[in-house]
Amino acid sequence: NNLYGVGYGNNTFVVVGDNGTIVKSTDNGSSFDNATTPTSNTLFGVGYGNNTFVAVGISGSIVKSTDNGATWDNATSPTANYLRGIVFGNNTFVAVGDSGNIVSSDNGSSFDNVTSPVTTHLIGVGFGNSTFVAVGDNGTIVRSTTDNGSSWDNATSPTTNNLYGVSFGNNTFVVVGDNGTIVRSTDNGSTWDNVTSPTSNFLIGVGFGYNTFVAAGTYGNILRSTDNGSSWDNATSPTTIQLRGVGF
């Protein structure tokens, strides 16, 4: 099955994908096992917080696990829209999806709709410095800075390309998207600048660890930056298969 999202918590990697697929690893990703899933709906994103994994997907699907990804239950969802990304911050899960849908929860059991400033599809969401940032179609960037994801404002975007992934590290947000697009913000998502990219391939996922941003996308493309997203180089990839997510 195609796999779309990866999350990490409590020494466990959880990966989700088509047809409700959930797999987990407790040995730093060396080997993975299937987990029992409560849904056949495709899952796009997974996040971790408060000893809970939460995954989201098509038709508003939300599932959660409180035993390190071994068993999963359905959570109450307020929407039938596709949910494509989820993140945890300030004791709050925030998920985003089609038609600008934003939902939030403090424990992952039940979610509520949040008023969104956009109707364009939102695909990725990240958190850092008490700020949530969500990104999506046509260069859309929105952020929430003061109330744990309850209210959101538009940010001025430097691109009209679709944006898919967002990550935070060293006081920097990095967002990736179509045609090798990379944009970054060093002021909590208030202003954004384009960054020179070494590829024109679509970049779908981005993550941060060991003071390094890593982005991945079509044709197995992997990029890395060790200067907070200011400059990027191609890394040697072991595959030409499309890569959709990066976790650490």
C-alpha atoms as a PDB file:
ATOM      1  CA  ASN A   1       0.000   0.000   0.000  1.00  0.00           C
ATOM      2  CA  ASN A   2       1.103   3.576  -0.593  1.00  0.00           C
ATOM      3  CA  LEU A   3       2.318   5.258   2.604  1.00  0.00           C
ATOM      4  CA  TYR A   4       1.805   8.972   3.178  1.00  0.00           C
ATOM      5  CA  GLY A   5       2.631  10.105   6.703  1.00  0.00           C
ATOM      6  CA  VAL A   6       5.102   9.313   9.474  1.00  0.00           C
ATOM      7  CA  GLY A   7       5.093  10.296  13.139  1.00  0.00           C
ATOM      8  CA  TYR A   8       7.393   9.622  16.092  1.00  0.00           C
ATOM      9  CA  GLY A   9       6.868   9.417  19.837  1.00  0.00           C
ATOM     10  CA  ASN A  10       7.920   7.330  22.850  1.00  0.00           C
ATOM     11  CA  ASN A  11      10.604   5.486  20.879  1.00  0.00           C
ATOM     12  CA  THR A  12       8.066   4.450  18.245  1.00  0.00           C
ATOM     13  CA  PHE A  13       7.683   5.332  14.562  1.00  0.00           C
ATOM     14  CA  VAL A  14       4.153   5.101  13.148  1.00  0.00           C
ATOM     15  CA  VAL A  15       3.511   5.230   9.390  1.00  0.00           C
ATOM     16  CA  VAL A  16       0.069   5.445   7.746  1.00  0.00           C
ATOM     17  CA  GLY A  17      -1.304   5.016   4.228  1.00  0.00           C
ATOM     18  CA  ASP A  18      -3.826   3.522   1.838  1.00  0.00           C
ATOM     19  CA  ASN A  19      -6.808   1.476   2.995  1.00  0.00           C
ATOM     20  CA  GLY A  20      -6.276   2.316   6.648  1.00  0.00           C
ATOM     21  CA  THR A  21      -2.747   0.919   6.658  1.00  0.00           C
ATOM     22  CA  ILE A  22      -0.866   1.519   9.922  1.00  0.00           C
ATOM     23  CA  VAL A  23       2.622   0.123  10.550  1.00  0.00           C
ATOM     24  CA  LYS A  24       4.929   0.720  13.512  1.00  0.00           C
ATOM     25  CA  SER A  25       8.575   0.330  14.439  1.00  0.00           C
ATOM     26  CA  THR A  26      10.190   0.230  17.872  1.00  0.00           C
ATOM     27  CA  ASP A  27      13.760  -0.332  16.647  1.00  0.00           C
ATOM     28  CA  ASN A  28      14.505   3.037  15.053  1.00  0.00           C
ATOM     29  CA  GLY A  29      12.853   2.097  11.774  1.00  0.00           C
ATOM     30  CA  SER A  30      14.898  -1.033  11.104  1.00  0.00           C
ATOM     31  CA  SER A  31      11.785  -3.210  11.003  1.00  0.00           C
ATOM     32  CA  PHE A  32       8.057  -2.510  10.914  1.00  0.00           C
ATOM     33  CA  ASP A  33       4.968  -4.489  11.911  1.00  0.00           C
ATOM     34  CA  ASN A  34       1.342  -4.078  10.908  1.00  0.00           C
ATOM     35  CA  ALA A  35      -0.965  -2.619  13.535  1.00  0.00           C
ATOM     36  CA  THR A  36      -4.657  -3.469  13.736  1.00  0.00           C
ATOM     37  CA  THR A  37      -6.596  -0.615  12.144  1.00  0.00           C
ATOM     38  CA  PRO A  38     -10.220   0.372  12.813  1.00  0.00           C
ATOM     39  CA  THR A  39     -10.751   1.848   9.344  1.00  0.00           C
ATOM     40  CA  SER A  40     -10.384   1.005   5.688  1.00  0.00           C
ATOM     41  CA  ASN A  41     -10.172   4.692   4.806  1.00  0.00           C
ATOM     42  CA  THR A  42      -6.863   5.992   3.527  1.00  0.00           C
ATOM     43  CA  LEU A  43      -4.852   7.851   6.179  1.00  0.00           C
ATOM     44  CA  PHE A  44      -2.633  10.763   5.152  1.00  0.00           C
ATOM     45  CA  GLY A  45      -1.034  12.107   8.325  1.00  0.00           C
ATOM     46  CA  VAL A  46      -0.112  11.080  11.863  1.00  0.00           C
ATOM     47  CA  GLY A  47       0.966  13.064  14.919  1.00  0.00           C
ATOM     48  CA  TYR A  48       2.027  12.344  18.496  1.00  0.00           C
ATOM     49  CA  GLY A  49       1.431  14.088  21.828  1.00  0.00           C
ATOM     50  CA  ASN A  50       0.339  13.373  25.411  1.00  0.00           C
ATOM     51  CA  ASN A  51       1.215   9.688  24.968  1.00  0.00           C
ATOM     52  CA  THR A  52      -1.246   9.485  22.063  1.00  0.00           C
ATOM     53  CA  PHE A  53      -0.837   8.896  18.330  1.00  0.00           C
ATOM     54  CA  VAL A  54      -3.577  10.391  16.124  1.00  0.00           C
ATOM     55  CA  ALA A  55      -3.936   9.723  12.385  1.00  0.00           C
ATOM     56  CA  VAL A  56      -6.262  11.450   9.911  1.00  0.00           C
ATOM     57  CA  GLY A  57      -7.512  10.738   6.399  1.00  0.00           C
ATOM     58  CA  ILE A  58     -10.302  10.668   3.865  1.00  0.00           C
ATOM     59  CA  SER A  59     -13.927  11.473   4.707  1.00  0.00           C
ATOM     60  CA  GLY A  60     -12.837  13.115   7.964  1.00  0.00           C
ATOM     61  CA  SER A  61     -11.410   9.872   9.340  1.00  0.00           C
ATOM     62  CA  ILE A  62      -9.604  10.223  12.685  1.00  0.00           C
ATOM     63  CA  VAL A  63      -8.127   7.280  14.592  1.00  0.00           C
ATOM     64  CA  LYS A  64      -6.045   7.249  17.760  1.00  0.00           C
ATOM     65  CA  SER A  65      -3.794   4.985  19.792  1.00  0.00           C
ATOM     66  CA  THR A  66      -2.791   5.304  23.453  1.00  0.00           C
ATOM     67  CA  ASP A  67      -0.515   2.237  23.555  1.00  0.00           C
ATOM     68  CA  ASN A  68       2.315   3.335  21.265  1.00  0.00           C
ATOM     69  CA  GLY A  69       0.488   2.441  18.066  1.00  0.00           C
ATOM     70  CA  ALA A  70      -0.283  -1.187  18.936  1.00  0.00           C
ATOM     71  CA  THR A  71      -4.093  -0.799  18.893  1.00  0.00           C
ATOM     72  CA  TRP A  72      -6.275   1.919  17.433  1.00  0.00           C
ATOM     73  CA  ASP A  73      -9.808   3.272  17.894  1.00  0.00           C
ATOM     74  CA  ASN A  74     -11.937   5.682  15.913  1.00  0.00           C
ATOM     75  CA  ALA A  75     -12.150   9.225  17.278  1.00  0.00           C
ATOM     76  CA  THR A  76     -15.096  11.583  16.871  1.00  0.00           C
ATOM     77  CA  SER A  77     -14.698  13.768  13.795  1.00  0.00           C
ATOM     78  CA  PRO A  78     -16.705  16.930  13.066  1.00  0.00           C
ATOM     79  CA  THR A  79     -16.191  16.801   9.291  1.00  0.00           C
ATOM     80  CA  ALA A  80     -16.560  14.615   6.235  1.00  0.00           C
ATOM     81  CA  ASN A  81     -13.842  16.542   4.393  1.00  0.00           C
ATOM     82  CA  TYR A  82     -10.522  14.864   3.735  1.00  0.00           C
ATOM     83  CA  LEU A  83      -8.027  15.613   6.519  1.00  0.00           C
ATOM     84  CA  ARG A  84      -4.482  15.606   5.193  1.00  0.00           C
ATOM     85  CA  GLY A  85      -2.145  16.727   7.979  1.00  0.00           C
ATOM     86  CA  ILE A  86      -1.965  16.748  11.780  1.00  0.00           C
ATOM     87  CA  VAL A  87       0.426  18.086  14.407  1.00  0.00           C
ATOM     88  CA  PHE A  88       0.563  18.389  18.196  1.00  0.00           C
ATOM     89  CA  GLY A  89       1.558  21.529  20.096  1.00  0.00           C
ATOM     90  CA  ASN A  90       0.675  23.310  23.343  1.00  0.00           C
ATOM     91  CA  ASN A  91      -1.366  20.292  24.465  1.00  0.00           C
ATOM     92  CA  THR A  92      -3.494  20.530  21.317  1.00  0.00           C
ATOM     93  CA  PHE A  93      -3.865  18.354  18.231  1.00  0.00           C
ATOM     94  CA  VAL A  94      -4.574  20.387  15.081  1.00  0.00           C
ATOM     95  CA  ALA A  95      -5.545  18.731  11.794  1.00  0.00           C
ATOM     96  CA  VAL A  96      -6.132  20.393   8.426  1.00  0.00           C
ATOM     97  CA  GLY A  97      -7.736  19.360   5.177  1.00  0.00           C
ATOM     98  CA  ASP A  98      -9.887  20.081   2.160  1.00  0.00           C
ATOM     99  CA  SER A  99     -11.890  23.289   1.730  1.00  0.00           C
ATOM    100  CA  GLY A 100      -9.752  24.982   4.376  1.00  0.00           C
ATOM    101  CA  ASN A 101     -11.011  22.649   7.097  1.00  0.00           C
ATOM    102  CA  ILE A 102      -9.227  22.983  10.457  1.00  0.00           C
ATOM    103  CA  VAL A 103     -10.126  20.828  13.462  1.00  0.00           C
ATOM    104  CA  SER A 104      -8.605  20.607  16.936  1.00  0.00           C
ATOM    105  CA  SER A 105      -8.647  18.473  20.076  1.00  0.00           C
ATOM    106  CA  ASP A 106      -6.935  18.484  23.460  1.00  0.00           C
ATOM    107  CA  ASN A 107      -6.779  14.705  23.821  1.00  0.00           C
ATOM    108  CA  GLY A 108      -7.354  13.184  20.394  1.00  0.00           C
ATOM    109  CA  SER A 109     -10.654  11.537  21.370  1.00  0.00           C
ATOM    110  CA  SER A 110     -13.010  14.090  19.846  1.00  0.00           C
ATOM    111  CA  PHE A 111     -12.351  17.038  17.558  1.00  0.00           C
ATOM    112  CA  ASP A 112     -14.145  20.330  16.923  1.00  0.00           C
ATOM    113  CA  ASN A 113     -14.201  22.520  13.844  1.00  0.00           C
ATOM    114  CA  VAL A 114     -12.204  25.742  13.973  1.00  0.00           C
ATOM    115  CA  THR A 115     -13.065  28.831  11.906  1.00  0.00           C
ATOM    116  CA  SER A 116     -10.712  28.939   8.938  1.00  0.00           C
ATOM    117  CA  PRO A 117      -9.722  32.054   6.972  1.00  0.00           C
ATOM    118  CA  VAL A 118      -9.501  30.110   3.689  1.00  0.00           C
ATOM    119  CA  THR A 119     -11.486  27.681   1.558  1.00  0.00           C
ATOM    120  CA  THR A 120      -8.510  26.337  -0.379  1.00  0.00           C
ATOM    121  CA  HIS A 121      -7.307  22.833   0.439  1.00  0.00           C
ATOM    122  CA  LEU A 122      -4.848  22.687   3.349  1.00  0.00           C
ATOM    123  CA  ILE A 123      -2.364  19.823   3.159  1.00  0.00           C
ATOM    124  CA  GLY A 124       0.334  20.268   5.803  1.00  0.00           C
ATOM    125  CA  VAL A 125       0.523  21.704   9.319  1.00  0.00           C
ATOM    126  CA  GLY A 126       3.447  22.319  11.667  1.00  0.00           C
ATOM    127  CA  PHE A 127       4.102  23.764  15.116  1.00  0.00           C
ATOM    128  CA  GLY A 128       6.883  25.746  16.776  1.00  0.00           C
ATOM    129  CA  ASN A 129       7.362  28.679  19.181  1.00  0.00           C
ATOM    130  CA  SER A 130       3.692  28.505  20.231  1.00  0.00           C
ATOM    131  CA  THR A 131       2.708  28.947  16.576  1.00  0.00           C
ATOM    132  CA  PHE A 132       0.754  26.644  14.276  1.00  0.00           C
ATOM    133  CA  VAL A 133       1.370  27.036  10.531  1.00  0.00           C
ATOM    134  CA  ALA A 134      -0.787  25.334   7.875  1.00  0.00           C
ATOM    135  CA  VAL A 135      -0.106  25.296   4.135  1.00  0.00           C
ATOM    136  CA  GLY A 136      -1.906  24.195   0.993  1.00  0.00           C
ATOM    137  CA  ASP A 137      -3.039  24.856  -2.553  1.00  0.00           C
ATOM    138  CA  ASN A 138      -2.010  27.953  -4.512  1.00  0.00           C
ATOM    139  CA  GLY A 139       0.663  28.942  -2.004  1.00  0.00           C
ATOM    140  CA  THR A 140      -1.781  29.249   0.884  1.00  0.00           C
ATOM    141  CA  ILE A 141      -0.175  29.854   4.289  1.00  0.00           C
ATOM    142  CA  VAL A 142      -2.220  30.435   7.453  1.00  0.00           C
ATOM    143  CA  ARG A 143      -1.100  30.619  11.061  1.00  0.00           C
ATOM    144  CA  SER A 144      -2.364  30.635  14.626  1.00  0.00           C
ATOM    145  CA  THR A 145      -0.220  32.286  17.276  1.00  0.00           C
ATOM    146  CA  THR A 146      -2.166  33.119  20.415  1.00  0.00           C
ATOM    147  CA  ASP A 147      -4.855  30.595  21.331  1.00  0.00           C
ATOM    148  CA  ASN A 148      -3.720  27.036  20.629  1.00  0.00           C
ATOM    149  CA  GLY A 149      -5.155  26.852  17.138  1.00  0.00           C
ATOM    150  CA  SER A 150      -8.553  28.405  17.899  1.00  0.00           C
ATOM    151  CA  SER A 151      -8.144  31.386  15.573  1.00  0.00           C
ATOM    152  CA  TRP A 152      -6.191  31.710  12.342  1.00  0.00           C
ATOM    153  CA  ASP A 153      -4.972  34.465  10.020  1.00  0.00           C
ATOM    154  CA  ASN A 154      -3.632  34.524   6.474  1.00  0.00           C
ATOM    155  CA  ALA A 155       0.084  35.048   5.990  1.00  0.00           C
ATOM    156  CA  THR A 156       1.475  36.664   2.848  1.00  0.00           C
ATOM    157  CA  SER A 157       2.923  33.905   0.698  1.00  0.00           C
ATOM    158  CA  PRO A 158       5.832  34.386  -1.725  1.00  0.00           C
ATOM    159  CA  THR A 159       4.536  31.682  -4.090  1.00  0.00           C
ATOM    160  CA  THR A 160       1.409  30.512  -5.879  1.00  0.00           C
ATOM    161  CA  ASN A 161       2.677  26.935  -6.114  1.00  0.00           C
ATOM    162  CA  ASN A 162       0.875  24.268  -4.108  1.00  0.00           C
ATOM    163  CA  LEU A 163       2.519  23.690  -0.731  1.00  0.00           C
ATOM    164  CA  TYR A 164       2.526  20.287   0.952  1.00  0.00           C
ATOM    165  CA  GLY A 165       4.868  19.993   3.929  1.00  0.00           C
ATOM    166  CA  VAL A 166       5.863  22.207   6.848  1.00  0.00           C
ATOM    167  CA  SER A 167       8.452  21.699   9.581  1.00  0.00           C
ATOM    168  CA  PHE A 168      10.001  23.742  12.385  1.00  0.00           C
ATOM    169  CA  GLY A 169      13.512  23.820  13.838  1.00  0.00           C
ATOM    170  CA  ASN A 170      15.991  26.369  15.230  1.00  0.00           C
ATOM    171  CA  ASN A 171      13.337  29.109  15.247  1.00  0.00           C
ATOM    172  CA  THR A 172      12.686  28.549  11.543  1.00  0.00           C
ATOM    173  CA  PHE A 173       9.643  27.279   9.650  1.00  0.00           C
ATOM    174  CA  VAL A 174      10.384  25.564   6.328  1.00  0.00           C
ATOM    175  CA  VAL A 175       7.657  24.761   3.784  1.00  0.00           C
ATOM    176  CA  VAL A 176       7.997  22.720   0.576  1.00  0.00           C
ATOM    177  CA  GLY A 177       5.836  22.205  -2.494  1.00  0.00           C
ATOM    178  CA  ASP A 178       5.424  21.982  -6.270  1.00  0.00           C
ATOM    179  CA  ASN A 179       8.324  22.435  -8.687  1.00  0.00           C
ATOM    180  CA  GLY A 180      10.947  22.277  -5.946  1.00  0.00           C
ATOM    181  CA  THR A 181       9.410  25.184  -4.061  1.00  0.00           C
ATOM    182  CA  ILE A 182      11.005  25.951  -0.684  1.00  0.00           C
ATOM    183  CA  VAL A 183       9.953  28.905   1.475  1.00  0.00           C
ATOM    184  CA  ARG A 184      11.046  29.798   4.997  1.00  0.00           C
ATOM    185  CA  SER A 185      10.139  32.086   7.869  1.00  0.00           C
ATOM    186  CA  THR A 186      12.254  33.169  10.831  1.00  0.00           C
ATOM    187  CA  ASP A 187       9.566  35.269  12.535  1.00  0.00           C
ATOM    188  CA  ASN A 188       7.019  32.621  13.535  1.00  0.00           C
ATOM    189  CA  GLY A 189       5.350  32.542  10.142  1.00  0.00           C
ATOM    190  CA  SER A 190       4.660  36.265   9.909  1.00  0.00           C
ATOM    191  CA  THR A 191       6.754  36.802   6.769  1.00  0.00           C
ATOM    192  CA  TRP A 192       8.081  34.304   4.239  1.00  0.00           C
ATOM    193  CA  ASP A 193      10.844  34.233   1.639  1.00  0.00           C
ATOM    194  CA  ASN A 194      11.584  31.964  -1.301  1.00  0.00           C
ATOM    195  CA  VAL A 195      14.723  29.860  -1.024  1.00  0.00           C
ATOM    196  CA  THR A 196      16.813  28.679  -3.987  1.00  0.00           C
ATOM    197  CA  SER A 197      16.074  25.013  -4.591  1.00  0.00           C
ATOM    198  CA  PRO A 198      18.423  22.520  -6.286  1.00  0.00           C
ATOM    199  CA  THR A 199      15.504  20.642  -7.863  1.00  0.00           C
ATOM    200  CA  SER A 200      12.360  21.248  -9.910  1.00  0.00           C
ATOM    201  CA  ASN A 201      10.824  18.014  -8.643  1.00  0.00           C
ATOM    202  CA  PHE A 202       7.787  18.255  -6.390  1.00  0.00           C
ATOM    203  CA  LEU A 203       8.739  18.267  -2.693  1.00  0.00           C
ATOM    204  CA  ILE A 204       6.064  16.717  -0.495  1.00  0.00           C
ATOM    205  CA  GLY A 205       7.502  16.164   2.985  1.00  0.00           C
ATOM    206  CA  VAL A 206       9.978  17.975   5.206  1.00  0.00           C
ATOM    207  CA  GLY A 207      11.356  17.227   8.664  1.00  0.00           C
ATOM    208  CA  PHE A 208      13.965  18.475  11.131  1.00  0.00           C
ATOM    209  CA  GLY A 209      16.537  16.716  13.317  1.00  0.00           C
ATOM    210  CA  TYR A 210      20.233  16.952  14.240  1.00  0.00           C
ATOM    211  CA  ASN A 211      20.152  20.642  13.224  1.00  0.00           C
ATOM    212  CA  THR A 212      19.273  19.528   9.697  1.00  0.00           C
ATOM    213  CA  PHE A 213      16.177  20.015   7.564  1.00  0.00           C
ATOM    214  CA  VAL A 214      15.447  17.133   5.175  1.00  0.00           C
ATOM    215  CA  ALA A 215      12.914  17.389   2.337  1.00  0.00           C
ATOM    216  CA  ALA A 216      11.710  14.570   0.106  1.00  0.00           C
ATOM    217  CA  GLY A 217       9.506  14.204  -2.957  1.00  0.00           C
ATOM    218  CA  THR A 218       9.026  12.818  -6.427  1.00  0.00           C
ATOM    219  CA  TYR A 219      11.553  10.487  -8.096  1.00  0.00           C
ATOM    220  CA  GLY A 220      12.983   9.703  -4.673  1.00  0.00           C
ATOM    221  CA  ASN A 221      14.409  13.212  -4.405  1.00  0.00           C
ATOM    222  CA  ILE A 222      15.974  13.983  -1.016  1.00  0.00           C
ATOM    223  CA  LEU A 223      17.330  17.427  -0.130  1.00  0.00           C
ATOM    224  CA  ARG A 224      19.066  18.610   3.014  1.00  0.00           C
ATOM    225  CA  SER A 225      19.943  21.919   4.632  1.00  0.00           C
ATOM    226  CA  THR A 226      22.299  22.454   7.570  1.00  0.00           C
ATOM    227  CA  ASP A 227      21.905  26.260   7.748  1.00  0.00           C
ATOM    228  CA  ASN A 228      18.289  26.528   8.889  1.00  0.00           C
ATOM    229  CA  GLY A 229      16.860  26.195   5.409  1.00  0.00           C
ATOM    230  CA  SER A 230      18.878  28.988   3.806  1.00  0.00           C
ATOM    231  CA  SER A 231      20.630  26.729   1.280  1.00  0.00           C
ATOM    232  CA  TRP A 232      19.975  23.179   0.126  1.00  0.00           C
ATOM    233  CA  ASP A 233      21.844  20.322  -1.519  1.00  0.00           C
ATOM    234  CA  ASN A 234      20.685  17.100  -3.126  1.00  0.00           C
ATOM    235  CA  ALA A 235      21.385  14.018  -1.024  1.00  0.00           C
ATOM    236  CA  THR A 236      22.036  10.601  -2.504  1.00  0.00           C
ATOM    237  CA  SER A 237      18.757   8.685  -2.529  1.00  0.00           C
ATOM    238  CA  PRO A 238      18.423   4.881  -2.594  1.00  0.00           C
ATOM    239  CA  THR A 239      15.165   5.020  -4.543  1.00  0.00           C
ATOM    240  CA  THR A 240      13.382   6.658  -7.453  1.00  0.00           C
ATOM    241  CA  ILE A 241       9.968   6.016  -5.907  1.00  0.00           C
ATOM    242  CA  GLN A 242       7.969   9.045  -4.773  1.00  0.00           C
ATOM    243  CA  LEU A 243       8.612   9.974  -1.128  1.00  0.00           C
ATOM    244  CA  ARG A 244       5.803  11.713   0.763  1.00  0.00           C
ATOM    245  CA  GLY A 245       6.877  12.212   4.371  1.00  0.00           C
ATOM    246  CA  VAL A 246       9.885  12.746   6.630  1.00  0.00           C
ATOM    247  CA  GLY A 247       9.945  12.146  10.388  1.00  0.00           C
ATOM    248  CA  PHE A 248      12.513  12.251  13.189  1.00  0.00           C
END
